[in-house]
Amino acid sequence: QVMLVESGGGLVQPGGSLRLSCAASGIFFRYYVMGWYRQAPGKQRELVARINTGGFINHTHSYIDSVKGRFTISRDDTKNTVYLQMNSLKPEDTAVYYCNTGTRDLDWGQGTQVTVSS
């Protein structure tokens, strides 16, 4: 059974940091491009960051402009887990964050709520 389980969200003040984790099961994780997505209230779900497959040194990643320089995506193929380090958080980063493949192939998990507020 394919399952994605996100964790690590919470309430943080502007300028703060969070590290999200997503554990995948039931797939050959290392062969998938993985992405972090977010959905704010009243908005469509958007791809925030993605990381390609490849060796430990060769993972390439990309980001939407609004998070470049603040967010870092990484993966540990030995743990079937993808991470999102979020620094310098802003109120506009408030959303439910999800992981999935780069082409949204899998059923969505429950997501993890990130709220940035003073």
C-alpha atoms as a PDB file:
ATOM      1  CA  GLN A   1       0.000   0.000   0.000  1.00  0.00           C
ATOM      2  CA  VAL A   2       1.355   3.371  -1.039  1.00  0.00           C
ATOM      3  CA  MET A   3       1.430   5.904   1.746  1.00  0.00           C
ATOM      4  CA  LEU A   4       2.850   9.386   2.249  1.00  0.00           C
ATOM      5  CA  VAL A   5       3.073  10.730   5.784  1.00  0.00           C
ATOM      6  CA  GLU A   6       4.038  14.356   6.317  1.00  0.00           C
ATOM      7  CA  SER A   7       5.151  15.800   9.643  1.00  0.00           C
ATOM      8  CA  GLY A   8       6.995  18.710  11.195  1.00  0.00           C
ATOM      9  CA  GLY A   9       4.561  21.556  10.724  1.00  0.00           C
ATOM     10  CA  GLY A  10       3.478  23.968  13.414  1.00  0.00           C
ATOM     11  CA  LEU A  11       3.038  27.565  14.447  1.00  0.00           C
ATOM     12  CA  VAL A  12       6.094  29.759  14.037  1.00  0.00           C
ATOM     13  CA  GLN A  13       6.776  33.480  14.160  1.00  0.00           C
ATOM     14  CA  PRO A  14       7.875  35.351  11.049  1.00  0.00           C
ATOM     15  CA  GLY A  15      11.572  34.794  10.481  1.00  0.00           C
ATOM     16  CA  GLY A  16      11.469  31.403  12.149  1.00  0.00           C
ATOM     17  CA  SER A  17      12.325  27.976  10.772  1.00  0.00           C
ATOM     18  CA  LEU A  18      10.720  24.577  10.415  1.00  0.00           C
ATOM     19  CA  ARG A  19      11.840  21.291   8.960  1.00  0.00           C
ATOM     20  CA  LEU A  20       9.217  19.150   7.313  1.00  0.00           C
ATOM     21  CA  SER A  21       9.562  15.429   6.709  1.00  0.00           C
ATOM     22  CA  CYS A  22       7.673  13.102   4.419  1.00  0.00           C
ATOM     23  CA  ALA A  23       8.020   9.354   4.768  1.00  0.00           C
ATOM     24  CA  ALA A  24       6.983   7.295   1.774  1.00  0.00           C
ATOM     25  CA  SER A  25       6.113   3.616   1.747  1.00  0.00           C
ATOM     26  CA  GLY A  26       4.973   1.176  -0.886  1.00  0.00           C
ATOM     27  CA  ILE A  27       7.017   2.674  -3.710  1.00  0.00           C
ATOM     28  CA  PHE A  28      10.532   2.353  -5.073  1.00  0.00           C
ATOM     29  CA  PHE A  29      11.277   5.743  -3.610  1.00  0.00           C
ATOM     30  CA  ARG A  30      14.733   6.233  -5.055  1.00  0.00           C
ATOM     31  CA  TYR A  31      13.367   6.119  -8.607  1.00  0.00           C
ATOM     32  CA  TYR A  32      10.917   8.988  -8.136  1.00  0.00           C
ATOM     33  CA  VAL A  33      11.373  12.699  -8.534  1.00  0.00           C
ATOM     34  CA  MET A  34       9.810  14.073  -5.345  1.00  0.00           C
ATOM     35  CA  GLY A  35       8.198  17.383  -4.598  1.00  0.00           C
ATOM     36  CA  TRP A  36       6.808  19.467  -1.777  1.00  0.00           C
ATOM     37  CA  TYR A  37       3.518  21.192  -2.462  1.00  0.00           C
ATOM     38  CA  ARG A  38       1.428  23.613  -0.461  1.00  0.00           C
ATOM     39  CA  GLN A  39      -2.138  24.772  -0.449  1.00  0.00           C
ATOM     40  CA  ALA A  40      -3.234  27.957   1.233  1.00  0.00           C
ATOM     41  CA  PRO A  41      -6.893  28.635   2.024  1.00  0.00           C
ATOM     42  CA  GLY A  42      -8.793  29.557  -1.127  1.00  0.00           C
ATOM     43  CA  LYS A  43      -5.838  28.832  -3.380  1.00  0.00           C
ATOM     44  CA  GLN A  44      -4.796  25.996  -5.624  1.00  0.00           C
ATOM     45  CA  ARG A  45      -2.182  23.519  -4.545  1.00  0.00           C
ATOM     46  CA  GLU A  46       1.216  24.535  -5.897  1.00  0.00           C
ATOM     47  CA  LEU A  47       4.550  22.861  -6.301  1.00  0.00           C
ATOM     48  CA  VAL A  48       7.043  24.589  -4.029  1.00  0.00           C
ATOM     49  CA  ALA A  49      10.193  22.525  -4.499  1.00  0.00           C
ATOM     50  CA  ARG A  50      11.262  19.386  -6.254  1.00  0.00           C
ATOM     51  CA  ILE A  51      14.293  17.136  -6.113  1.00  0.00           C
ATOM     52  CA  ASN A  52      15.446  14.762  -8.775  1.00  0.00           C
ATOM     53  CA  THR A  53      16.677  11.238  -8.450  1.00  0.00           C
ATOM     54  CA  GLY A  54      20.317  10.344  -8.614  1.00  0.00           C
ATOM     55  CA  GLY A  55      23.244   9.661  -6.414  1.00  0.00           C
ATOM     56  CA  PHE A  56      23.832  11.362  -3.114  1.00  0.00           C
ATOM     57  CA  ILE A  57      25.980  14.019  -4.669  1.00  0.00           C
ATOM     58  CA  ASN A  58      23.928  14.515  -7.781  1.00  0.00           C
ATOM     59  CA  HIS A  59      20.450  15.339  -6.502  1.00  0.00           C
ATOM     60  CA  THR A  60      19.365  18.474  -8.291  1.00  0.00           C
ATOM     61  CA  HIS A  61      16.539  20.575  -7.011  1.00  0.00           C
ATOM     62  CA  SER A  62      14.404  23.513  -8.008  1.00  0.00           C
ATOM     63  CA  TYR A  63      12.114  26.007  -6.295  1.00  0.00           C
ATOM     64  CA  ILE A  64       9.444  28.530  -6.994  1.00  0.00           C
ATOM     65  CA  ASP A  65      10.752  32.071  -6.911  1.00  0.00           C
ATOM     66  CA  SER A  66       9.018  33.043  -3.687  1.00  0.00           C
ATOM     67  CA  VAL A  67      10.961  30.488  -1.622  1.00  0.00           C
ATOM     68  CA  LYS A  68      14.340  30.538  -3.348  1.00  0.00           C
ATOM     69  CA  GLY A  69      17.126  31.146  -0.891  1.00  0.00           C
ATOM     70  CA  ARG A  70      14.870  30.325   2.065  1.00  0.00           C
ATOM     71  CA  PHE A  71      13.762  26.715   1.514  1.00  0.00           C
ATOM     72  CA  THR A  72      15.928  23.670   0.866  1.00  0.00           C
ATOM     73  CA  ILE A  73      14.629  20.305  -0.268  1.00  0.00           C
ATOM     74  CA  SER A  74      16.617  17.151   0.377  1.00  0.00           C
ATOM     75  CA  ARG A  75      16.084  13.424   0.417  1.00  0.00           C
ATOM     76  CA  ASP A  76      17.402  10.322   2.100  1.00  0.00           C
ATOM     77  CA  ASP A  77      16.774   7.342  -0.138  1.00  0.00           C
ATOM     78  CA  THR A  78      17.863   4.941   2.596  1.00  0.00           C
ATOM     79  CA  LYS A  79      14.939   6.165   4.702  1.00  0.00           C
ATOM     80  CA  ASN A  80      12.434   6.754   1.878  1.00  0.00           C
ATOM     81  CA  THR A  81      12.096  10.300   3.188  1.00  0.00           C
ATOM     82  CA  VAL A  82      12.092  13.745   1.640  1.00  0.00           C
ATOM     83  CA  TYR A  83      12.658  16.885   3.717  1.00  0.00           C
ATOM     84  CA  LEU A  84      11.931  20.568   3.406  1.00  0.00           C
ATOM     85  CA  GLN A  85      14.010  22.952   5.487  1.00  0.00           C
ATOM     86  CA  MET A  86      12.195  26.261   5.671  1.00  0.00           C
ATOM     87  CA  ASN A  87      14.014  29.324   6.961  1.00  0.00           C
ATOM     88  CA  SER A  88      13.072  32.997   7.191  1.00  0.00           C
ATOM     89  CA  LEU A  89       9.428  32.048   7.133  1.00  0.00           C
ATOM     90  CA  LYS A  90       6.871  34.648   6.123  1.00  0.00           C
ATOM     91  CA  PRO A  91       3.133  34.878   6.789  1.00  0.00           C
ATOM     92  CA  GLU A  92       2.499  34.121   3.118  1.00  0.00           C
ATOM     93  CA  ASP A  93       4.113  30.708   3.619  1.00  0.00           C
ATOM     94  CA  THR A  94       1.120  29.713   5.741  1.00  0.00           C
ATOM     95  CA  ALA A  95      -0.457  26.649   4.138  1.00  0.00           C
ATOM     96  CA  VAL A  96      -0.896  22.920   4.411  1.00  0.00           C
ATOM     97  CA  TYR A  97       2.227  21.291   3.025  1.00  0.00           C
ATOM     98  CA  TYR A  98       2.179  17.973   1.176  1.00  0.00           C
ATOM     99  CA  CYS A  99       4.689  15.786  -0.567  1.00  0.00           C
ATOM    100  CA  ASN A 100       4.154  13.747  -3.696  1.00  0.00           C
ATOM    101  CA  THR A 101       6.045  12.757  -6.776  1.00  0.00           C
ATOM    102  CA  GLY A 102       6.982  15.477  -9.213  1.00  0.00           C
ATOM    103  CA  THR A 103       4.001  14.525 -11.368  1.00  0.00           C
ATOM    104  CA  ARG A 104       1.544  13.988  -8.493  1.00  0.00           C
ATOM    105  CA  ASP A 105       1.278  10.279  -9.193  1.00  0.00           C
ATOM    106  CA  LEU A 106       0.367   9.149  -5.704  1.00  0.00           C
ATOM    107  CA  ASP A 107      -2.621   9.567  -3.439  1.00  0.00           C
ATOM    108  CA  TRP A 108      -2.149  12.609  -1.227  1.00  0.00           C
ATOM    109  CA  GLY A 109      -1.313  12.252   2.422  1.00  0.00           C
ATOM    110  CA  GLN A 110      -2.907  14.278   5.176  1.00  0.00           C
ATOM    111  CA  GLY A 111      -0.388  17.081   4.887  1.00  0.00           C
ATOM    112  CA  THR A 112       1.117  19.113   7.674  1.00  0.00           C
ATOM    113  CA  GLN A 113      -0.093  22.580   8.648  1.00  0.00           C
ATOM    114  CA  VAL A 114       2.408  25.432   8.679  1.00  0.00           C
ATOM    115  CA  THR A 115       1.234  28.681  10.217  1.00  0.00           C
ATOM    116  CA  VAL A 116       3.480  31.731  10.244  1.00  0.00           C
ATOM    117  CA  SER A 117       2.114  34.396  12.509  1.00  0.00           C
ATOM    118  CA  SER A 118       3.167  36.728  15.270  1.00  0.00           C
END
